Amino acid sequence: MRYLTLGEVLALHRRILPESGGRPGLRDLAHAAMEVFLVMNGMELRASVDDQERFMLALATGEVSREALAQWLRAHVTQLSSGN
């Protein structure tokens, strides 16, 4: 089984989120796909639910760029803590 690379996940975000126009269904799907990718690769997102939702909405509406997403992920992604 081959897992997606971060670049592939970012590409999915670029395709799914703009099409959603910020609508919750597709936006949430893109967010869930990102979370699954991170966990499968031994990582987790360390940000409050409110911060995650705000960022994903800004990303979906085009207020944030792909580069901003990469920077935000670098700042908020850590190794999965033991016990998870």
PDB file of N, CA and C in Angstrom:
ATOM      1  N   MET A   1       0.849  -1.181   0.000  1.00  0.00           N
ATOM      2  CA  MET A   1       0.000   0.000   0.000  1.00  0.00           C
ATOM      3  C   MET A   1       0.891   1.239   0.000  1.00  0.00           C
ATOM      4  N   ARG A   2       0.555   2.200  -0.842  1.00  0.00           N
ATOM      5  CA  ARG A   2       1.334   3.426  -0.925  1.00  0.00           C
ATOM      6  C   ARG A   2       0.505   4.574  -0.358  1.00  0.00           C
ATOM      7  N   TYR A   3       1.123   5.350   0.532  1.00  0.00           N
ATOM      8  CA  TYR A   3       0.451   6.511   1.110  1.00  0.00           C
ATOM      9  C   TYR A   3       0.715   7.731   0.252  1.00  0.00           C
ATOM     10  N   LEU A   4      -0.170   8.698   0.349  1.00  0.00           N
ATOM     11  CA  LEU A   4       0.013   9.949  -0.382  1.00  0.00           C
ATOM     12  C   LEU A   4       1.169  10.748   0.213  1.00  0.00           C
ATOM     13  N   THR A   5       1.849  11.472  -0.639  1.00  0.00           N
ATOM     14  CA  THR A   5       2.894  12.382  -0.169  1.00  0.00           C
ATOM     15  C   THR A   5       2.232  13.696   0.237  1.00  0.00           C
ATOM     16  N   LEU A   6       2.958  14.537   0.962  1.00  0.00           N
ATOM     17  CA  LEU A   6       2.422  15.841   1.336  1.00  0.00           C
ATOM     18  C   LEU A   6       2.078  16.641   0.082  1.00  0.00           C
ATOM     19  N   GLY A   7       2.907  16.547  -0.937  1.00  0.00           N
ATOM     20  CA  GLY A   7       2.626  17.249  -2.192  1.00  0.00           C
ATOM     21  C   GLY A   7       1.317  16.797  -2.821  1.00  0.00           C
ATOM     22  N   GLU A   8       1.044  15.499  -2.766  1.00  0.00           N
ATOM     23  CA  GLU A   8      -0.203  14.972  -3.310  1.00  0.00           C
ATOM     24  C   GLU A   8      -1.401  15.441  -2.491  1.00  0.00           C
ATOM     25  N   VAL A   9      -1.235  15.501  -1.171  1.00  0.00           N
ATOM     26  CA  VAL A   9      -2.320  16.000  -0.319  1.00  0.00           C
ATOM     27  C   VAL A   9      -2.582  17.470  -0.616  1.00  0.00           C
ATOM     28  N   LEU A  10      -1.509  18.255  -0.775  1.00  0.00           N
ATOM     29  CA  LEU A  10      -1.683  19.666  -1.112  1.00  0.00           C
ATOM     30  C   LEU A  10      -2.383  19.819  -2.458  1.00  0.00           C
ATOM     31  N   ALA A  11      -2.042  18.956  -3.404  1.00  0.00           N
ATOM     32  CA  ALA A  11      -2.697  19.005  -4.717  1.00  0.00           C
ATOM     33  C   ALA A  11      -4.191  18.698  -4.584  1.00  0.00           C
ATOM     34  N   LEU A  12      -4.541  17.729  -3.742  1.00  0.00           N
ATOM     35  CA  LEU A  12      -5.957  17.431  -3.508  1.00  0.00           C
ATOM     36  C   LEU A  12      -6.666  18.635  -2.904  1.00  0.00           C
ATOM     37  N   HIS A  13      -6.007  19.272  -1.954  1.00  0.00           N
ATOM     38  CA  HIS A  13      -6.593  20.471  -1.340  1.00  0.00           C
ATOM     39  C   HIS A  13      -6.833  21.546  -2.390  1.00  0.00           C
ATOM     40  N   ARG A  14      -5.867  21.743  -3.274  1.00  0.00           N
ATOM     41  CA  ARG A  14      -6.005  22.772  -4.310  1.00  0.00           C
ATOM     42  C   ARG A  14      -7.188  22.471  -5.219  1.00  0.00           C
ATOM     43  N   ARG A  15      -7.477  21.203  -5.454  1.00  0.00           N
ATOM     44  CA  ARG A  15      -8.590  20.844  -6.334  1.00  0.00           C
ATOM     45  C   ARG A  15      -9.933  20.847  -5.609  1.00  0.00           C
ATOM     46  N   ILE A  16      -9.973  20.288  -4.407  1.00  0.00           N
ATOM     47  CA  ILE A  16     -11.251  20.135  -3.697  1.00  0.00           C
ATOM     48  C   ILE A  16     -11.737  21.444  -3.099  1.00  0.00           C
ATOM     49  N   LEU A  17     -10.866  22.154  -2.393  1.00  0.00           N
ATOM     50  CA  LEU A  17     -11.320  23.309  -1.634  1.00  0.00           C
ATOM     51  C   LEU A  17     -11.864  24.451  -2.487  1.00  0.00           C
ATOM     52  N   PRO A  18     -11.203  24.858  -3.557  1.00  0.00           N
ATOM     53  CA  PRO A  18     -11.784  25.949  -4.344  1.00  0.00           C
ATOM     54  C   PRO A  18     -13.154  25.585  -4.925  1.00  0.00           C
ATOM     55  N   GLU A  19     -13.342  24.332  -5.262  1.00  0.00           N
ATOM     56  CA  GLU A  19     -14.627  23.894  -5.793  1.00  0.00           C
ATOM     57  C   GLU A  19     -15.723  23.941  -4.735  1.00  0.00           C
ATOM     58  N   SER A  20     -15.320  23.860  -3.473  1.00  0.00           N
ATOM     59  CA  SER A  20     -16.316  23.850  -2.398  1.00  0.00           C
ATOM     60  C   SER A  20     -16.876  25.234  -2.137  1.00  0.00           C
ATOM     61  N   GLY A  21     -16.101  26.277  -2.471  1.00  0.00           N
ATOM     62  CA  GLY A  21     -16.541  27.635  -2.169  1.00  0.00           C
ATOM     63  C   GLY A  21     -16.741  27.837  -0.681  1.00  0.00           C
ATOM     64  N   GLY A  22     -16.096  27.005   0.113  1.00  0.00           N
ATOM     65  CA  GLY A  22     -16.235  27.112   1.555  1.00  0.00           C
ATOM     66  C   GLY A  22     -17.404  26.310   2.105  1.00  0.00           C
ATOM     67  N   ARG A  23     -18.126  25.591   1.213  1.00  0.00           N
ATOM     68  CA  ARG A  23     -19.243  24.778   1.700  1.00  0.00           C
ATOM     69  C   ARG A  23     -18.713  23.702   2.641  1.00  0.00           C
ATOM     70  N   PRO A  24     -19.364  23.488   3.754  1.00  0.00           N
ATOM     71  CA  PRO A  24     -18.860  22.551   4.757  1.00  0.00           C
ATOM     72  C   PRO A  24     -18.564  21.138   4.278  1.00  0.00           C
ATOM     73  N   GLY A  25     -19.361  20.530   3.438  1.00  0.00           N
ATOM     74  CA  GLY A  25     -19.151  19.143   3.044  1.00  0.00           C
ATOM     75  C   GLY A  25     -17.794  18.875   2.429  1.00  0.00           C
ATOM     76  N   LEU A  26     -17.479  19.558   1.336  1.00  0.00           N
ATOM     77  CA  LEU A  26     -16.199  19.338   0.670  1.00  0.00           C
ATOM     78  C   LEU A  26     -15.030  19.854   1.500  1.00  0.00           C
ATOM     79  N   ARG A  27     -15.235  20.978   2.174  1.00  0.00           N
ATOM     80  CA  ARG A  27     -14.179  21.524   3.030  1.00  0.00           C
ATOM     81  C   ARG A  27     -13.831  20.526   4.129  1.00  0.00           C
ATOM     82  N   ASP A  28     -14.854  19.950   4.733  1.00  0.00           N
ATOM     83  CA  ASP A  28     -14.632  18.975   5.799  1.00  0.00           C
ATOM     84  C   ASP A  28     -13.986  17.707   5.267  1.00  0.00           C
ATOM     85  N   LEU A  29     -14.356  17.297   4.050  1.00  0.00           N
ATOM     86  CA  LEU A  29     -13.741  16.134   3.426  1.00  0.00           C
ATOM     87  C   LEU A  29     -12.244  16.370   3.214  1.00  0.00           C
ATOM     88  N   ALA A  30     -11.893  17.535   2.724  1.00  0.00           N
ATOM     89  CA  ALA A  30     -10.480  17.860   2.502  1.00  0.00           C
ATOM     90  C   ALA A  30      -9.724  17.879   3.829  1.00  0.00           C
ATOM     91  N   HIS A  31     -10.345  18.427   4.849  1.00  0.00           N
ATOM     92  CA  HIS A  31      -9.727  18.480   6.173  1.00  0.00           C
ATOM     93  C   HIS A  31      -9.531  17.073   6.727  1.00  0.00           C
ATOM     94  N   ALA A  32     -10.558  16.233   6.592  1.00  0.00           N
ATOM     95  CA  ALA A  32     -10.459  14.852   7.077  1.00  0.00           C
ATOM     96  C   ALA A  32      -9.375  14.084   6.331  1.00  0.00           C
ATOM     97  N   ALA A  33      -9.274  14.292   5.018  1.00  0.00           N
ATOM     98  CA  ALA A  33      -8.233  13.620   4.231  1.00  0.00           C
ATOM     99  C   ALA A  33      -6.848  14.030   4.726  1.00  0.00           C
ATOM    100  N   MET A  34      -6.686  15.300   5.048  1.00  0.00           N
ATOM    101  CA  MET A  34      -5.406  15.782   5.566  1.00  0.00           C
ATOM    102  C   MET A  34      -5.087  15.122   6.910  1.00  0.00           C
ATOM    103  N   GLU A  35      -6.081  15.051   7.781  1.00  0.00           N
ATOM    104  CA  GLU A  35      -5.877  14.435   9.096  1.00  0.00           C
ATOM    105  C   GLU A  35      -5.502  12.956   8.959  1.00  0.00           C
ATOM    106  N   VAL A  36      -6.189  12.230   8.076  1.00  0.00           N
ATOM    107  CA  VAL A  36      -5.886  10.822   7.862  1.00  0.00           C
ATOM    108  C   VAL A  36      -4.461  10.660   7.334  1.00  0.00           C
ATOM    109  N   PHE A  37      -4.082  11.473   6.363  1.00  0.00           N
ATOM    110  CA  PHE A  37      -2.726  11.439   5.827  1.00  0.00           C
ATOM    111  C   PHE A  37      -1.700  11.636   6.939  1.00  0.00           C
ATOM    112  N   LEU A  38      -1.931  12.611   7.792  1.00  0.00           N
ATOM    113  CA  LEU A  38      -0.984  12.893   8.870  1.00  0.00           C
ATOM    114  C   LEU A  38      -0.866  11.698   9.816  1.00  0.00           C
ATOM    115  N   VAL A  39      -1.986  11.160  10.268  1.00  0.00           N
ATOM    116  CA  VAL A  39      -1.968  10.042  11.214  1.00  0.00           C
ATOM    117  C   VAL A  39      -1.302   8.818  10.595  1.00  0.00           C
ATOM    118  N   MET A  40      -1.593   8.549   9.327  1.00  0.00           N
ATOM    119  CA  MET A  40      -0.990   7.390   8.662  1.00  0.00           C
ATOM    120  C   MET A  40       0.523   7.534   8.548  1.00  0.00           C
ATOM    121  N   ASN A  41       0.991   8.767   8.642  1.00  0.00           N
ATOM    122  CA  ASN A  41       2.418   9.024   8.558  1.00  0.00           C
ATOM    123  C   ASN A  41       3.027   9.376   9.921  1.00  0.00           C
ATOM    124  N   GLY A  42       2.306   9.018  11.007  1.00  0.00           N
ATOM    125  CA  GLY A  42       2.832   9.199  12.350  1.00  0.00           C
ATOM    126  C   GLY A  42       2.855  10.636  12.837  1.00  0.00           C
ATOM    127  N   MET A  43       1.988  11.464  12.279  1.00  0.00           N
ATOM    128  CA  MET A  43       1.948  12.874  12.648  1.00  0.00           C
ATOM    129  C   MET A  43       0.540  13.237  13.121  1.00  0.00           C
ATOM    130  N   GLU A  44       0.445  14.367  13.782  1.00  0.00           N
ATOM    131  CA  GLU A  44      -0.867  14.870  14.183  1.00  0.00           C
ATOM    132  C   GLU A  44      -0.885  16.381  14.108  1.00  0.00           C
ATOM    133  N   LEU A  45      -2.072  16.926  13.964  1.00  0.00           N
ATOM    134  CA  LEU A  45      -2.266  18.359  13.882  1.00  0.00           C
ATOM    135  C   LEU A  45      -2.499  18.897  15.279  1.00  0.00           C
ATOM    136  N   ARG A  46      -1.666  19.833  15.690  1.00  0.00           N
ATOM    137  CA  ARG A  46      -1.788  20.441  17.014  1.00  0.00           C
ATOM    138  C   ARG A  46      -2.286  21.870  16.876  1.00  0.00           C
ATOM    139  N   ALA A  47      -3.589  21.997  16.770  1.00  0.00           N
ATOM    140  CA  ALA A  47      -4.249  23.304  16.695  1.00  0.00           C
ATOM    141  C   ALA A  47      -5.662  23.104  17.206  1.00  0.00           C
ATOM    142  N   SER A  48      -6.224  24.144  17.783  1.00  0.00           N
ATOM    143  CA  SER A  48      -7.592  24.016  18.283  1.00  0.00           C
ATOM    144  C   SER A  48      -8.541  23.784  17.117  1.00  0.00           C
ATOM    145  N   VAL A  49      -9.680  23.205  17.401  1.00  0.00           N
ATOM    146  CA  VAL A  49     -10.682  22.962  16.372  1.00  0.00           C
ATOM    147  C   VAL A  49     -11.082  24.287  15.723  1.00  0.00           C
ATOM    148  N   ASP A  50     -11.241  25.328  16.540  1.00  0.00           N
ATOM    149  CA  ASP A  50     -11.600  26.642  15.995  1.00  0.00           C
ATOM    150  C   ASP A  50     -10.534  27.155  15.044  1.00  0.00           C
ATOM    151  N   ASP A  51      -9.258  27.035  15.411  1.00  0.00           N
ATOM    152  CA  ASP A  51      -8.168  27.473  14.536  1.00  0.00           C
ATOM    153  C   ASP A  51      -8.153  26.671  13.239  1.00  0.00           C
ATOM    154  N   GLN A  52      -8.364  25.364  13.347  1.00  0.00           N
ATOM    155  CA  GLN A  52      -8.394  24.524  12.149  1.00  0.00           C
ATOM    156  C   GLN A  52      -9.538  24.937  11.230  1.00  0.00           C
ATOM    157  N   GLU A  53     -10.712  25.148  11.795  1.00  0.00           N
ATOM    158  CA  GLU A  53     -11.871  25.532  10.992  1.00  0.00           C
ATOM    159  C   GLU A  53     -11.666  26.881  10.326  1.00  0.00           C
ATOM    160  N   ARG A  54     -11.128  27.845  11.075  1.00  0.00           N
ATOM    161  CA  ARG A  54     -10.865  29.171  10.498  1.00  0.00           C
ATOM    162  C   ARG A  54      -9.884  29.077   9.338  1.00  0.00           C
ATOM    163  N   PHE A  55      -8.817  28.300   9.536  1.00  0.00           N
ATOM    164  CA  PHE A  55      -7.809  28.190   8.497  1.00  0.00           C
ATOM    165  C   PHE A  55      -8.371  27.479   7.268  1.00  0.00           C
ATOM    166  N   MET A  56      -9.118  26.394   7.465  1.00  0.00           N
ATOM    167  CA  MET A  56      -9.672  25.657   6.334  1.00  0.00           C
ATOM    168  C   MET A  56     -10.677  26.507   5.561  1.00  0.00           C
ATOM    169  N   LEU A  57     -11.457  27.305   6.252  1.00  0.00           N
ATOM    170  CA  LEU A  57     -12.400  28.184   5.568  1.00  0.00           C
ATOM    171  C   LEU A  57     -11.656  29.239   4.754  1.00  0.00           C
ATOM    172  N   ALA A  58     -10.617  29.816   5.333  1.00  0.00           N
ATOM    173  CA  ALA A  58      -9.809  30.807   4.615  1.00  0.00           C
ATOM    174  C   ALA A  58      -9.153  30.171   3.391  1.00  0.00           C
ATOM    175  N   LEU A  59      -8.709  28.944   3.536  1.00  0.00           N
ATOM    176  CA  LEU A  59      -8.098  28.223   2.418  1.00  0.00           C
ATOM    177  C   LEU A  59      -9.146  27.954   1.336  1.00  0.00           C
ATOM    178  N   ALA A  60     -10.328  27.531   1.751  1.00  0.00           N
ATOM    179  CA  ALA A  60     -11.400  27.201   0.800  1.00  0.00           C
ATOM    180  C   ALA A  60     -11.877  28.418   0.024  1.00  0.00           C
ATOM    181  N   THR A  61     -11.859  29.574   0.650  1.00  0.00           N
ATOM    182  CA  THR A  61     -12.343  30.787  -0.017  1.00  0.00           C
ATOM    183  C   THR A  61     -11.229  31.534  -0.741  1.00  0.00           C
ATOM    184  N   GLY A  62     -10.036  30.954  -0.749  1.00  0.00           N
ATOM    185  CA  GLY A  62      -8.934  31.553  -1.501  1.00  0.00           C
ATOM    186  C   GLY A  62      -8.196  32.663  -0.782  1.00  0.00           C
ATOM    187  N   GLU A  63      -8.469  32.837   0.497  1.00  0.00           N
ATOM    188  CA  GLU A  63      -7.791  33.887   1.268  1.00  0.00           C
ATOM    189  C   GLU A  63      -6.356  33.509   1.622  1.00  0.00           C
ATOM    190  N   VAL A  64      -6.058  32.204   1.560  1.00  0.00           N
ATOM    191  CA  VAL A  64      -4.705  31.734   1.886  1.00  0.00           C
ATOM    192  C   VAL A  64      -4.173  30.914   0.718  1.00  0.00           C
ATOM    193  N   SER A  65      -2.887  30.993   0.510  1.00  0.00           N
ATOM    194  CA  SER A  65      -2.241  30.308  -0.606  1.00  0.00           C
ATOM    195  C   SER A  65      -1.755  28.914  -0.208  1.00  0.00           C
ATOM    196  N   ARG A  66      -1.315  28.181  -1.200  1.00  0.00           N
ATOM    197  CA  ARG A  66      -0.715  26.860  -0.955  1.00  0.00           C
ATOM    198  C   ARG A  66       0.518  27.008  -0.065  1.00  0.00           C
ATOM    199  N   GLU A  67       1.300  28.044  -0.311  1.00  0.00           N
ATOM    200  CA  GLU A  67       2.502  28.282   0.495  1.00  0.00           C
ATOM    201  C   GLU A  67       2.125  28.557   1.950  1.00  0.00           C
ATOM    202  N   ALA A  68       1.046  29.311   2.147  1.00  0.00           N
ATOM    203  CA  ALA A  68       0.583  29.592   3.514  1.00  0.00           C
ATOM    204  C   ALA A  68       0.116  28.306   4.191  1.00  0.00           C
ATOM    205  N   LEU A  69      -0.531  27.416   3.427  1.00  0.00           N
ATOM    206  CA  LEU A  69      -0.943  26.126   3.977  1.00  0.00           C
ATOM    207  C   LEU A  69       0.273  25.334   4.420  1.00  0.00           C
ATOM    208  N   ALA A  70       1.301  25.271   3.581  1.00  0.00           N
ATOM    209  CA  ALA A  70       2.515  24.533   3.928  1.00  0.00           C
ATOM    210  C   ALA A  70       3.158  25.111   5.185  1.00  0.00           C
ATOM    211  N   GLN A  71       3.219  26.424   5.294  1.00  0.00           N
ATOM    212  CA  GLN A  71       3.798  27.065   6.490  1.00  0.00           C
ATOM    213  C   GLN A  71       2.950  26.761   7.718  1.00  0.00           C
ATOM    214  N   TRP A  72       1.630  26.822   7.577  1.00  0.00           N
ATOM    215  CA  TRP A  72       0.739  26.565   8.705  1.00  0.00           C
ATOM    216  C   TRP A  72       0.902  25.127   9.182  1.00  0.00           C
ATOM    217  N   LEU A  73       1.006  24.189   8.222  1.00  0.00           N
ATOM    218  CA  LEU A  73       1.200  22.791   8.597  1.00  0.00           C
ATOM    219  C   LEU A  73       2.539  22.594   9.307  1.00  0.00           C
ATOM    220  N   ARG A  74       3.592  23.221   8.806  1.00  0.00           N
ATOM    221  CA  ARG A  74       4.900  23.093   9.474  1.00  0.00           C
ATOM    222  C   ARG A  74       4.834  23.589  10.915  1.00  0.00           C
ATOM    223  N   ALA A  75       4.048  24.615  11.151  1.00  0.00           N
ATOM    224  CA  ALA A  75       3.930  25.194  12.496  1.00  0.00           C
ATOM    225  C   ALA A  75       3.030  24.378  13.419  1.00  0.00           C
ATOM    226  N   HIS A  76       2.105  23.590  12.856  1.00  0.00           N
ATOM    227  CA  HIS A  76       1.105  22.922  13.690  1.00  0.00           C
ATOM    228  C   HIS A  76       1.139  21.398  13.656  1.00  0.00           C
ATOM    229  N   VAL A  77       2.029  20.812  12.872  1.00  0.00           N
ATOM    230  CA  VAL A  77       2.097  19.357  12.797  1.00  0.00           C
ATOM    231  C   VAL A  77       3.265  18.858  13.634  1.00  0.00           C
ATOM    232  N   THR A  78       3.002  17.833  14.462  1.00  0.00           N
ATOM    233  CA  THR A  78       4.027  17.239  15.317  1.00  0.00           C
ATOM    234  C   THR A  78       3.941  15.723  15.190  1.00  0.00           C
ATOM    235  N   GLN A  79       4.943  15.066  15.755  1.00  0.00           N
ATOM    236  CA  GLN A  79       4.914  13.602  15.808  1.00  0.00           C
ATOM    237  C   GLN A  79       3.723  13.171  16.633  1.00  0.00           C
ATOM    238  N   LEU A  80       3.092  12.085  16.213  1.00  0.00           N
ATOM    239  CA  LEU A  80       1.951  11.547  16.933  1.00  0.00           C
ATOM    240  C   LEU A  80       2.409  11.130  18.323  1.00  0.00           C
ATOM    241  N   SER A  81       1.715  11.619  19.337  1.00  0.00           N
ATOM    242  CA  SER A  81       2.107  11.294  20.707  1.00  0.00           C
ATOM    243  C   SER A  81       1.782   9.839  21.013  1.00  0.00           C
ATOM    244  N   SER A  82       2.561   9.239  21.879  1.00  0.00           N
ATOM    245  CA  SER A  82       2.353   7.834  22.225  1.00  0.00           C
ATOM    246  C   SER A  82       0.977   7.678  22.873  1.00  0.00           C
ATOM    247  N   GLY A  83       0.387   6.529  22.626  1.00  0.00           N
ATOM    248  CA  GLY A  83      -0.952   6.269  23.175  1.00  0.00           C
ATOM    249  C   GLY A  83      -2.056   6.605  22.220  1.00  0.00           C
ATOM    250  N   ASN A  84      -1.743   7.233  21.059  1.00  0.00           N
ATOM    251  CA  ASN A  84      -2.765   7.555  20.054  1.00  0.00           C
ATOM    252  C   ASN A  84      -2.769   6.529  18.974  1.00  0.00           C
TER     253      ASN A  84
END
